[in-house]
Every structure is written in structure tokens, then in C-alpha cells.
Amino acid sequence: MALNVLFISDLDGTLLTSRETISEYSLQQLNQLIDEKNVRFTYATARSLNSAAKACWGLRQNLPVILYNGALIMEPWSGRMLYNNHFTRDQLLFIKEILARFHVWPLVYSFRGAAEHVSWLEGAETPGVLRYLERRREDKRLRPVKDESELKEDDIFYFTCIGRWEDLVNVRGAIEENSSLKCIFQQETYQTDYWCEIMPSNTSKGAAALELKRILGAEKLVVFGDALNDREMFFAADEGYAVQNADGALKEIATGVIGYSEEDAVAKFIEENLDKYV
């Protein structure tokens, strides 16, 4: 390709099907575009590297990926971290006070040295957290703790609370009173539970996408998404395309609306419009 374009897609609800995998058609077409046309394609997701890698099994992943809604950029083949937007001490103290006030026990994402951990208070799991853990039984990051003192040596970069809307909506409101923090609050794509994900206010898929664009020396950024956590990525991009099943508010700011995630919209768009970017 003559023009150095970086394509970044959201995963759940955009590139993935409702089975939380990439279809055989999309795998074949994207891998062919990457191998034969030198298309620069990667993803930005709320998932961890482990979870995203399983969902994208078979996809040619030769570029760094954006994880945890923009908190991290990592190389999927080596696990090397290129970018980490972690919490400050004051932010952590504020978050812990809010969570204790509303008796919410989160999943805590952190690093201790090079080792990544997902920690939680053993015995305080919600049904949503239990389902999260059940689906990741072989995940080496999982680390139950007896109390928060076990996390004092960790570099914490993300919190996820999973539960009922009525149990988490007040957490969201309290967190958003602190201008240095933000909360992504939305229903899980394939379930009835809500996720309240807490991060520094300057964490976003958009900020991470611009950083990855800089790292790779790309000239143009084209992105795909379906949900409100993709908004900043759309604002950061030269072009942003919403899938047909996307949130209406995202469609309003999109460059255009393409097909449904279940019908290989991302792969088909790149394949059909590739000449436009050459």
C-alpha cells in the first residue's frame, strides 16, 4: 500500500460474532489482506491480552494491540508492554473509599514486575464475577486475595465491577465526581450484567490509538466500533465506521455505517475499499 494506513477494530460487537470468535470468512480475508496486501490491521478492546488472543485465535497478529479500553498497548507475540497508563496513589485511595462505601468488590488488574495479575476478594464474588472466573479457569493471571494488603506492591491500572445495574450505578456516579477518573458503565455485550470499569480519565482507546499510530509511524488512522467506549477512538481517527448493530450515538459521529458484525462487516469493508487507501 502506498499510503501508510493503520486499521484498528473493536472486538466484541464489531469484529467478533456473538460466539465471541472471528468468523472463518473474516479470518481468511483479513489474513490474506495482511499477508498479500501488507494491510496494517490490529484491534482495540476492553479485553485482556489473554482473553483477546483466545477470541482472535487464527488471526495474523503482527502488530501491537490495545487492551483494557486503552490502558495498555502490548505485543501479542511477546507480551512486551509498550504503554501503561496506571493509577496514581491518590486516585487509588479515592477509588478504594468509594468501593468500600457501596460494598462493591472489584476485579483488580495490575502488574507486579513483569507479571500481570487479576485479583479479587475471595468469598465476595458476584454471579457476574463468578462467570468471569469460570470462563478463565486456566488463566494464570487469576489471583484470589484475603484482603487488599496483598496488593500493596502491585502497579494497578484498571478496576472492573460486574453486577446488577442497581448495585453499581451509585459507584459510577461517585467515581465521575473525580475529574481525574472516568468510568465506562454499560451492559455486557452477551449478558444481562452491567460492567463498571474504572480507569484514569486520560485512558481511552483514542489516546492509545494515537500512541500506536505514532509508534508505528502510520499516516492515517481508520477505525471500526459499535459501543460508546469507542467514541474517543472515532474522534481520534481520520475515519471511523460504525457497524449496523452499533449504538445510535456512535453512528451519529461515524464517518459511515457499514454492515452487521455477524456478517463480516469489517473484513468486507477493508476488502471492498482497499483501493481508496492506496
C-alpha atoms as a PDB file:
ATOM      1  CA  MET A   1       0.000   0.000   0.000  1.00  0.00           C
ATOM      2  CA  ALA A   2       1.394   3.380  -0.987  1.00  0.00           C
ATOM      3  CA  LEU A   3      -0.400   5.164   1.859  1.00  0.00           C
ATOM      4  CA  ASN A   4       0.623   4.111   5.361  1.00  0.00           C
ATOM      5  CA  VAL A   5      -2.815   3.362   6.858  1.00  0.00           C
ATOM      6  CA  LEU A   6      -3.428   1.758  10.248  1.00  0.00           C
ATOM      7  CA  PHE A   7      -6.775  -0.064  10.612  1.00  0.00           C
ATOM      8  CA  ILE A   8      -7.961  -0.654  14.183  1.00  0.00           C
ATOM      9  CA  SER A   9     -11.136  -2.572  15.038  1.00  0.00           C
ATOM     10  CA  ASP A  10     -13.011  -3.036  18.268  1.00  0.00           C
ATOM     11  CA  LEU A  11     -13.651  -6.717  19.029  1.00  0.00           C
ATOM     12  CA  ASP A  12     -16.955  -7.537  20.791  1.00  0.00           C
ATOM     13  CA  GLY A  13     -19.914  -6.480  18.720  1.00  0.00           C
ATOM     14  CA  THR A  14     -17.700  -5.322  15.869  1.00  0.00           C
ATOM     15  CA  LEU A  15     -15.125  -7.832  14.628  1.00  0.00           C
ATOM     16  CA  LEU A  16     -16.360 -10.777  16.699  1.00  0.00           C
ATOM     17  CA  THR A  17     -19.596 -12.683  16.231  1.00  0.00           C
ATOM     18  CA  SER A  18     -21.999 -13.422  19.089  1.00  0.00           C
ATOM     19  CA  ARG A  19     -19.999 -16.626  19.628  1.00  0.00           C
ATOM     20  CA  GLU A  20     -17.075 -14.373  20.685  1.00  0.00           C
ATOM     21  CA  THR A  21     -14.908 -15.514  17.794  1.00  0.00           C
ATOM     22  CA  ILE A  22     -13.887 -14.192  14.395  1.00  0.00           C
ATOM     23  CA  SER A  23     -15.756 -15.966  11.616  1.00  0.00           C
ATOM     24  CA  GLU A  24     -13.861 -18.229   9.253  1.00  0.00           C
ATOM     25  CA  TYR A  25     -14.600 -15.837   6.407  1.00  0.00           C
ATOM     26  CA  SER A  26     -13.206 -12.807   8.246  1.00  0.00           C
ATOM     27  CA  LEU A  27     -10.129 -14.751   9.346  1.00  0.00           C
ATOM     28  CA  GLN A  28      -9.392 -15.836   5.805  1.00  0.00           C
ATOM     29  CA  GLN A  29      -9.961 -12.405   4.285  1.00  0.00           C
ATOM     30  CA  LEU A  30      -8.078 -10.435   6.931  1.00  0.00           C
ATOM     31  CA  ASN A  31      -5.104 -12.791   6.931  1.00  0.00           C
ATOM     32  CA  GLN A  32      -4.963 -12.595   3.157  1.00  0.00           C
ATOM     33  CA  LEU A  33      -5.073  -8.802   3.264  1.00  0.00           C
ATOM     34  CA  ILE A  34      -2.310  -8.738   5.892  1.00  0.00           C
ATOM     35  CA  ASP A  35      -0.097 -11.278   4.103  1.00  0.00           C
ATOM     36  CA  GLU A  36      -0.624 -10.347   0.462  1.00  0.00           C
ATOM     37  CA  LYS A  37      -1.589  -6.647   0.562  1.00  0.00           C
ATOM     38  CA  ASN A  38       0.516  -5.578   3.555  1.00  0.00           C
ATOM     39  CA  VAL A  39      -2.584  -4.206   5.279  1.00  0.00           C
ATOM     40  CA  ARG A  40      -1.763  -2.959   8.784  1.00  0.00           C
ATOM     41  CA  PHE A  41      -4.598  -4.270  10.929  1.00  0.00           C
ATOM     42  CA  THR A  42      -4.959  -4.639  14.689  1.00  0.00           C
ATOM     43  CA  TYR A  43      -7.584  -4.275  17.407  1.00  0.00           C
ATOM     44  CA  ALA A  44      -8.570  -2.176  20.427  1.00  0.00           C
ATOM     45  CA  THR A  45     -10.608  -3.901  23.106  1.00  0.00           C
ATOM     46  CA  ALA A  46     -11.746  -3.825  26.718  1.00  0.00           C
ATOM     47  CA  ARG A  47     -10.396  -7.383  26.971  1.00  0.00           C
ATOM     48  CA  SER A  48      -7.047  -8.516  28.352  1.00  0.00           C
ATOM     49  CA  LEU A  49      -4.348  -9.920  26.097  1.00  0.00           C
ATOM     50  CA  ASN A  50      -5.212 -13.460  27.168  1.00  0.00           C
ATOM     51  CA  SER A  51      -8.942 -13.077  26.514  1.00  0.00           C
ATOM     52  CA  ALA A  52      -8.438 -11.211  23.227  1.00  0.00           C
ATOM     53  CA  ALA A  53      -5.929 -13.776  21.951  1.00  0.00           C
ATOM     54  CA  LYS A  54      -8.428 -16.599  22.502  1.00  0.00           C
ATOM     55  CA  ALA A  55     -11.205 -14.682  20.736  1.00  0.00           C
ATOM     56  CA  CYS A  56      -8.878 -13.845  17.826  1.00  0.00           C
ATOM     57  CA  TRP A  57      -7.304 -17.276  17.518  1.00  0.00           C
ATOM     58  CA  GLY A  58      -6.055 -17.731  13.955  1.00  0.00           C
ATOM     59  CA  LEU A  59      -5.804 -14.016  13.144  1.00  0.00           C
ATOM     60  CA  ARG A  60      -2.407 -12.875  11.929  1.00  0.00           C
ATOM     61  CA  GLN A  61      -1.364 -10.603  14.810  1.00  0.00           C
ATOM     62  CA  ASN A  62       1.812  -8.911  13.662  1.00  0.00           C
ATOM     63  CA  LEU A  63       1.136  -5.501  15.245  1.00  0.00           C
ATOM     64  CA  PRO A  64       0.777  -4.378  18.878  1.00  0.00           C
ATOM     65  CA  VAL A  65      -2.755  -4.426  20.277  1.00  0.00           C
ATOM     66  CA  ILE A  66      -4.722  -2.028  22.504  1.00  0.00           C
ATOM     67  CA  LEU A  67      -6.157  -3.591  25.670  1.00  0.00           C
ATOM     68  CA  TYR A  68      -8.344  -2.663  28.658  1.00  0.00           C
ATOM     69  CA  ASN A  69     -10.056   0.186  26.774  1.00  0.00           C
ATOM     70  CA  GLY A  70      -6.714   1.837  26.106  1.00  0.00           C
ATOM     71  CA  ALA A  71      -4.918   1.312  29.425  1.00  0.00           C
ATOM     72  CA  LEU A  72      -2.259  -0.891  27.797  1.00  0.00           C
ATOM     73  CA  ILE A  73      -0.568  -1.432  24.450  1.00  0.00           C
ATOM     74  CA  MET A  74       1.188  -4.806  24.191  1.00  0.00           C
ATOM     75  CA  GLU A  75       2.875  -7.036  21.657  1.00  0.00           C
ATOM     76  CA  PRO A  76       0.713 -10.192  21.449  1.00  0.00           C
ATOM     77  CA  TRP A  77       3.608 -12.390  20.326  1.00  0.00           C
ATOM     78  CA  SER A  78       5.953 -11.443  23.197  1.00  0.00           C
ATOM     79  CA  GLY A  79       3.731  -9.955  25.890  1.00  0.00           C
ATOM     80  CA  ARG A  80       6.003  -6.911  25.971  1.00  0.00           C
ATOM     81  CA  MET A  81       4.253  -3.808  27.238  1.00  0.00           C
ATOM     82  CA  LEU A  82       4.703  -0.659  25.153  1.00  0.00           C
ATOM     83  CA  TYR A  83       2.323   1.634  27.059  1.00  0.00           C
ATOM     84  CA  ASN A  84       0.773   1.531  30.546  1.00  0.00           C
ATOM     85  CA  ASN A  85      -1.500   4.294  31.868  1.00  0.00           C
ATOM     86  CA  HIS A  86      -1.703   3.288  35.546  1.00  0.00           C
ATOM     87  CA  PHE A  87      -3.350   4.957  38.559  1.00  0.00           C
ATOM     88  CA  THR A  88      -1.673   7.426  40.893  1.00  0.00           C
ATOM     89  CA  ARG A  89      -1.623   6.820  44.654  1.00  0.00           C
ATOM     90  CA  ASP A  90      -4.282   9.480  45.282  1.00  0.00           C
ATOM     91  CA  GLN A  91      -6.562   8.010  42.628  1.00  0.00           C
ATOM     92  CA  LEU A  92      -6.284   4.566  44.189  1.00  0.00           C
ATOM     93  CA  LEU A  93      -7.134   5.896  47.660  1.00  0.00           C
ATOM     94  CA  PHE A  94     -10.222   7.643  46.277  1.00  0.00           C
ATOM     95  CA  ILE A  95     -11.419   4.555  44.388  1.00  0.00           C
ATOM     96  CA  LYS A  96     -10.950   2.280  47.383  1.00  0.00           C
ATOM     97  CA  GLU A  97     -13.027   4.635  49.557  1.00  0.00           C
ATOM     98  CA  ILE A  98     -15.876   4.678  47.011  1.00  0.00           C
ATOM     99  CA  LEU A  99     -15.914   0.911  46.562  1.00  0.00           C
ATOM    100  CA  ALA A 100     -15.909   0.351  50.323  1.00  0.00           C
ATOM    101  CA  ARG A 101     -18.774   2.855  50.781  1.00  0.00           C
ATOM    102  CA  PHE A 102     -21.007   0.911  48.390  1.00  0.00           C
ATOM    103  CA  HIS A 103     -19.755  -2.548  49.393  1.00  0.00           C
ATOM    104  CA  VAL A 104     -18.564  -3.389  45.879  1.00  0.00           C
ATOM    105  CA  TRP A 105     -15.635  -5.759  45.439  1.00  0.00           C
ATOM    106  CA  PRO A 106     -13.958  -5.394  42.039  1.00  0.00           C
ATOM    107  CA  LEU A 107     -11.617  -7.311  39.845  1.00  0.00           C
ATOM    108  CA  VAL A 108      -8.254  -5.551  40.189  1.00  0.00           C
ATOM    109  CA  TYR A 109      -5.863  -5.543  37.224  1.00  0.00           C
ATOM    110  CA  SER A 110      -2.219  -4.955  37.996  1.00  0.00           C
ATOM    111  CA  PHE A 111       1.394  -5.748  37.336  1.00  0.00           C
ATOM    112  CA  ARG A 112       3.980  -6.866  39.843  1.00  0.00           C
ATOM    113  CA  GLY A 113       7.199  -6.575  37.928  1.00  0.00           C
ATOM    114  CA  ALA A 114       6.527  -8.204  34.558  1.00  0.00           C
ATOM    115  CA  ALA A 115       3.775 -10.469  35.920  1.00  0.00           C
ATOM    116  CA  GLU A 116       0.176  -9.435  35.233  1.00  0.00           C
ATOM    117  CA  HIS A 117      -2.486 -10.285  37.810  1.00  0.00           C
ATOM    118  CA  VAL A 118      -6.269 -10.224  38.076  1.00  0.00           C
ATOM    119  CA  SER A 119      -7.107 -10.187  41.780  1.00  0.00           C
ATOM    120  CA  TRP A 120     -10.365 -10.291  43.720  1.00  0.00           C
ATOM    121  CA  LEU A 121     -11.511 -10.701  47.299  1.00  0.00           C
ATOM    122  CA  GLU A 122     -12.171 -14.391  47.788  1.00  0.00           C
ATOM    123  CA  GLY A 123     -15.712 -15.070  49.011  1.00  0.00           C
ATOM    124  CA  ALA A 124     -17.140 -11.740  47.824  1.00  0.00           C
ATOM    125  CA  GLU A 125     -17.783 -12.695  44.190  1.00  0.00           C
ATOM    126  CA  THR A 126     -20.986 -11.605  42.425  1.00  0.00           C
ATOM    127  CA  PRO A 127     -22.612 -14.037  39.967  1.00  0.00           C
ATOM    128  CA  GLY A 128     -21.094 -11.979  37.145  1.00  0.00           C
ATOM    129  CA  VAL A 129     -17.609 -12.221  38.632  1.00  0.00           C
ATOM    130  CA  LEU A 130     -18.054 -15.964  39.149  1.00  0.00           C
ATOM    131  CA  ARG A 131     -18.999 -16.337  35.494  1.00  0.00           C
ATOM    132  CA  TYR A 132     -15.952 -14.269  34.506  1.00  0.00           C
ATOM    133  CA  LEU A 133     -13.701 -16.535  36.600  1.00  0.00           C
ATOM    134  CA  GLU A 134     -15.334 -19.752  35.381  1.00  0.00           C
ATOM    135  CA  ARG A 135     -14.630 -18.841  31.771  1.00  0.00           C
ATOM    136  CA  ARG A 136     -10.991 -18.179  32.633  1.00  0.00           C
ATOM    137  CA  ARG A 137     -10.185 -21.108  34.901  1.00  0.00           C
ATOM    138  CA  GLU A 138      -6.841 -21.746  33.180  1.00  0.00           C
ATOM    139  CA  ASP A 139      -5.830 -18.082  33.188  1.00  0.00           C
ATOM    140  CA  LYS A 140      -2.514 -17.770  35.023  1.00  0.00           C
ATOM    141  CA  ARG A 141      -3.252 -14.132  35.878  1.00  0.00           C
ATOM    142  CA  LEU A 142      -6.005 -15.064  38.343  1.00  0.00           C
ATOM    143  CA  ARG A 143      -5.083 -14.430  41.968  1.00  0.00           C
ATOM    144  CA  PRO A 144      -7.639 -14.538  44.802  1.00  0.00           C
ATOM    145  CA  VAL A 145      -6.667 -12.495  47.871  1.00  0.00           C
ATOM    146  CA  LYS A 146      -7.790 -12.483  51.504  1.00  0.00           C
ATOM    147  CA  ASP A 147      -7.523  -8.696  51.905  1.00  0.00           C
ATOM    148  CA  GLU A 148      -6.299  -5.650  49.982  1.00  0.00           C
ATOM    149  CA  SER A 149      -2.926  -5.575  51.774  1.00  0.00           C
ATOM    150  CA  GLU A 150      -1.823  -8.349  49.398  1.00  0.00           C
ATOM    151  CA  LEU A 151      -1.973  -5.792  46.551  1.00  0.00           C
ATOM    152  CA  LYS A 152       0.272  -3.138  48.135  1.00  0.00           C
ATOM    153  CA  GLU A 153       3.263  -3.993  45.928  1.00  0.00           C
ATOM    154  CA  ASP A 154       1.237  -4.009  42.714  1.00  0.00           C
ATOM    155  CA  ASP A 155       1.085  -1.392  39.945  1.00  0.00           C
ATOM    156  CA  ILE A 156      -2.715  -1.152  39.485  1.00  0.00           C
ATOM    157  CA  PHE A 157      -4.064   0.146  36.171  1.00  0.00           C
ATOM    158  CA  TYR A 158      -7.748  -0.921  35.977  1.00  0.00           C
ATOM    159  CA  PHE A 159     -10.778  -1.957  38.021  1.00  0.00           C
ATOM    160  CA  THR A 160     -13.830  -3.883  36.809  1.00  0.00           C
ATOM    161  CA  CYS A 161     -17.005  -4.280  38.850  1.00  0.00           C
ATOM    162  CA  ILE A 162     -19.567  -6.755  37.496  1.00  0.00           C
ATOM    163  CA  GLY A 163     -23.099  -6.892  38.824  1.00  0.00           C
ATOM    164  CA  ARG A 164     -26.639  -5.578  38.708  1.00  0.00           C
ATOM    165  CA  TRP A 165     -27.358  -2.046  37.465  1.00  0.00           C
ATOM    166  CA  GLU A 166     -28.817  -1.004  40.827  1.00  0.00           C
ATOM    167  CA  ASP A 167     -25.713  -2.208  42.687  1.00  0.00           C
ATOM    168  CA  LEU A 168     -23.248  -0.302  40.507  1.00  0.00           C
ATOM    169  CA  VAL A 169     -24.949   2.889  39.347  1.00  0.00           C
ATOM    170  CA  ASN A 170     -24.015   4.789  42.545  1.00  0.00           C
ATOM    171  CA  VAL A 171     -20.394   3.720  42.182  1.00  0.00           C
ATOM    172  CA  ARG A 172     -20.416   5.197  38.715  1.00  0.00           C
ATOM    173  CA  GLY A 173     -21.826   8.500  39.960  1.00  0.00           C
ATOM    174  CA  ALA A 174     -19.325   8.820  42.782  1.00  0.00           C
ATOM    175  CA  ILE A 175     -16.340   7.962  40.604  1.00  0.00           C
ATOM    176  CA  GLU A 176     -17.347  10.506  37.980  1.00  0.00           C
ATOM    177  CA  GLU A 177     -17.270  13.272  40.620  1.00  0.00           C
ATOM    178  CA  ASN A 178     -13.471  12.964  40.479  1.00  0.00           C
ATOM    179  CA  SER A 179     -12.247  14.677  37.300  1.00  0.00           C
ATOM    180  CA  SER A 180      -9.053  12.601  37.233  1.00  0.00           C
ATOM    181  CA  LEU A 181     -11.049   9.376  36.845  1.00  0.00           C
ATOM    182  CA  LYS A 182     -13.643   8.016  34.484  1.00  0.00           C
ATOM    183  CA  CYS A 183     -15.993   5.084  34.385  1.00  0.00           C
ATOM    184  CA  ILE A 184     -17.281   3.063  31.460  1.00  0.00           C
ATOM    185  CA  PHE A 185     -20.682   1.794  32.521  1.00  0.00           C
ATOM    186  CA  GLN A 186     -22.528  -0.481  30.146  1.00  0.00           C
ATOM    187  CA  GLN A 187     -24.335  -3.778  29.860  1.00  0.00           C
ATOM    188  CA  GLU A 188     -22.168  -6.742  28.978  1.00  0.00           C
ATOM    189  CA  THR A 189     -22.486  -7.478  25.267  1.00  0.00           C
ATOM    190  CA  TYR A 190     -23.743 -11.040  25.650  1.00  0.00           C
ATOM    191  CA  GLN A 191     -25.245 -10.970  29.185  1.00  0.00           C
ATOM    192  CA  THR A 192     -27.640  -9.039  31.442  1.00  0.00           C
ATOM    193  CA  ASP A 193     -24.988  -7.922  33.931  1.00  0.00           C
ATOM    194  CA  TYR A 194     -23.514  -4.437  33.914  1.00  0.00           C
ATOM    195  CA  TRP A 195     -19.806  -3.691  33.947  1.00  0.00           C
ATOM    196  CA  CYS A 196     -18.464  -0.636  35.735  1.00  0.00           C
ATOM    197  CA  GLU A 197     -14.885  -0.221  34.543  1.00  0.00           C
ATOM    198  CA  ILE A 198     -12.750   2.386  36.301  1.00  0.00           C
ATOM    199  CA  MET A 199      -9.617   4.000  34.881  1.00  0.00           C
ATOM    200  CA  PRO A 200      -7.704   7.301  34.810  1.00  0.00           C
ATOM    201  CA  SER A 201      -9.626   9.965  32.878  1.00  0.00           C
ATOM    202  CA  ASN A 202      -6.910  10.148  30.222  1.00  0.00           C
ATOM    203  CA  THR A 203      -7.218   6.429  29.475  1.00  0.00           C
ATOM    204  CA  SER A 204      -9.116   5.785  26.245  1.00  0.00           C
ATOM    205  CA  LYS A 205      -8.974   3.743  23.091  1.00  0.00           C
ATOM    206  CA  GLY A 206      -8.489   7.059  21.291  1.00  0.00           C
ATOM    207  CA  ALA A 207      -5.390   8.081  23.231  1.00  0.00           C
ATOM    208  CA  ALA A 208      -3.925   4.599  22.837  1.00  0.00           C
ATOM    209  CA  ALA A 209      -4.770   4.529  19.110  1.00  0.00           C
ATOM    210  CA  LEU A 210      -2.909   7.813  18.571  1.00  0.00           C
ATOM    211  CA  GLU A 211       0.052   6.470  20.541  1.00  0.00           C
ATOM    212  CA  LEU A 212       0.090   3.278  18.467  1.00  0.00           C
ATOM    213  CA  LYS A 213      -0.185   5.349  15.288  1.00  0.00           C
ATOM    214  CA  ARG A 214       2.901   7.272  16.460  1.00  0.00           C
ATOM    215  CA  ILE A 215       4.809   4.114  17.418  1.00  0.00           C
ATOM    216  CA  LEU A 216       4.176   2.564  14.001  1.00  0.00           C
ATOM    217  CA  GLY A 217       4.720   5.776  12.042  1.00  0.00           C
ATOM    218  CA  ALA A 218       1.314   5.497  10.346  1.00  0.00           C
ATOM    219  CA  GLU A 219      -0.019   8.403   8.302  1.00  0.00           C
ATOM    220  CA  LYS A 220      -3.742   7.667   8.559  1.00  0.00           C
ATOM    221  CA  LEU A 221      -5.960   6.005  11.168  1.00  0.00           C
ATOM    222  CA  VAL A 222      -9.171   4.164  10.194  1.00  0.00           C
ATOM    223  CA  VAL A 223     -11.220   2.564  12.986  1.00  0.00           C
ATOM    224  CA  PHE A 224     -14.307   0.392  13.500  1.00  0.00           C
ATOM    225  CA  GLY A 225     -16.587   0.081  16.523  1.00  0.00           C
ATOM    226  CA  ASP A 226     -20.035  -0.476  17.993  1.00  0.00           C
ATOM    227  CA  ALA A 227     -20.240   0.942  21.519  1.00  0.00           C
ATOM    228  CA  LEU A 228     -19.775   4.162  23.454  1.00  0.00           C
ATOM    229  CA  ASN A 229     -16.328   3.100  24.672  1.00  0.00           C
ATOM    230  CA  ASP A 230     -15.278   3.507  21.023  1.00  0.00           C
ATOM    231  CA  ARG A 231     -16.219   7.219  20.904  1.00  0.00           C
ATOM    232  CA  GLU A 232     -12.757   8.584  21.704  1.00  0.00           C
ATOM    233  CA  MET A 233     -11.242   6.274  19.112  1.00  0.00           C
ATOM    234  CA  PHE A 234     -13.636   7.679  16.500  1.00  0.00           C
ATOM    235  CA  PHE A 235     -12.735  11.237  17.463  1.00  0.00           C
ATOM    236  CA  ALA A 236      -9.002  10.415  17.235  1.00  0.00           C
ATOM    237  CA  ALA A 237      -9.257   8.690  13.848  1.00  0.00           C
ATOM    238  CA  ASP A 238      -9.218  10.103  10.345  1.00  0.00           C
ATOM    239  CA  GLU A 239     -12.187   7.846   9.587  1.00  0.00           C
ATOM    240  CA  GLY A 240     -14.467   5.941  11.968  1.00  0.00           C
ATOM    241  CA  TYR A 241     -17.003   3.350  10.806  1.00  0.00           C
ATOM    242  CA  ALA A 242     -19.818   2.029  12.985  1.00  0.00           C
ATOM    243  CA  VAL A 243     -21.287  -1.401  12.357  1.00  0.00           C
ATOM    244  CA  GLN A 244     -25.034  -1.585  11.697  1.00  0.00           C
ATOM    245  CA  ASN A 245     -25.667  -3.017  15.172  1.00  0.00           C
ATOM    246  CA  ALA A 246     -23.797  -0.133  16.862  1.00  0.00           C
ATOM    247  CA  ASP A 247     -25.137   2.243  19.489  1.00  0.00           C
ATOM    248  CA  GLY A 248     -27.076   5.080  17.864  1.00  0.00           C
ATOM    249  CA  ALA A 249     -24.861   7.747  19.464  1.00  0.00           C
ATOM    250  CA  LEU A 250     -21.781   6.199  17.880  1.00  0.00           C
ATOM    251  CA  LYS A 251     -23.453   6.103  14.483  1.00  0.00           C
ATOM    252  CA  GLU A 252     -24.078   9.838  14.768  1.00  0.00           C
ATOM    253  CA  ILE A 253     -20.364  10.643  14.940  1.00  0.00           C
ATOM    254  CA  ALA A 254     -19.222   7.973  12.473  1.00  0.00           C
ATOM    255  CA  THR A 255     -17.789   8.665   9.025  1.00  0.00           C
ATOM    256  CA  GLY A 256     -20.198   5.997   7.841  1.00  0.00           C
ATOM    257  CA  VAL A 257     -22.233   2.955   8.874  1.00  0.00           C
ATOM    258  CA  ILE A 258     -21.220  -0.427   7.460  1.00  0.00           C
ATOM    259  CA  GLY A 259     -22.787  -3.903   7.750  1.00  0.00           C
ATOM    260  CA  TYR A 260     -23.513  -6.056  10.781  1.00  0.00           C
ATOM    261  CA  SER A 261     -20.803  -7.644  12.938  1.00  0.00           C
ATOM    262  CA  GLU A 262     -22.428 -11.031  12.316  1.00  0.00           C
ATOM    263  CA  GLU A 263     -21.981 -10.513   8.554  1.00  0.00           C
ATOM    264  CA  ASP A 264     -18.199  -9.827   8.446  1.00  0.00           C
ATOM    265  CA  ALA A 265     -18.658  -6.076   8.067  1.00  0.00           C
ATOM    266  CA  VAL A 266     -15.089  -5.059   8.963  1.00  0.00           C
ATOM    267  CA  ALA A 267     -13.322  -7.541   6.707  1.00  0.00           C
ATOM    268  CA  LYS A 268     -15.691  -6.808   3.821  1.00  0.00           C
ATOM    269  CA  PHE A 269     -15.280  -3.038   4.192  1.00  0.00           C
ATOM    270  CA  ILE A 270     -11.477  -3.189   4.067  1.00  0.00           C
ATOM    271  CA  GLU A 271     -11.510  -5.641   1.164  1.00  0.00           C
ATOM    272  CA  GLU A 272     -14.045  -3.623  -0.850  1.00  0.00           C
ATOM    273  CA  ASN A 273     -12.477  -0.214  -0.175  1.00  0.00           C
ATOM    274  CA  LEU A 274      -8.789  -1.057  -0.213  1.00  0.00           C
ATOM    275  CA  ASP A 275      -8.153   0.863  -3.447  1.00  0.00           C
ATOM    276  CA  LYS A 276      -9.320   4.019  -1.709  1.00  0.00           C
ATOM    277  CA  TYR A 277      -6.330   3.839   0.638  1.00  0.00           C
ATOM    278  CA  VAL A 278      -3.642   3.131  -1.964  1.00  0.00           C
END
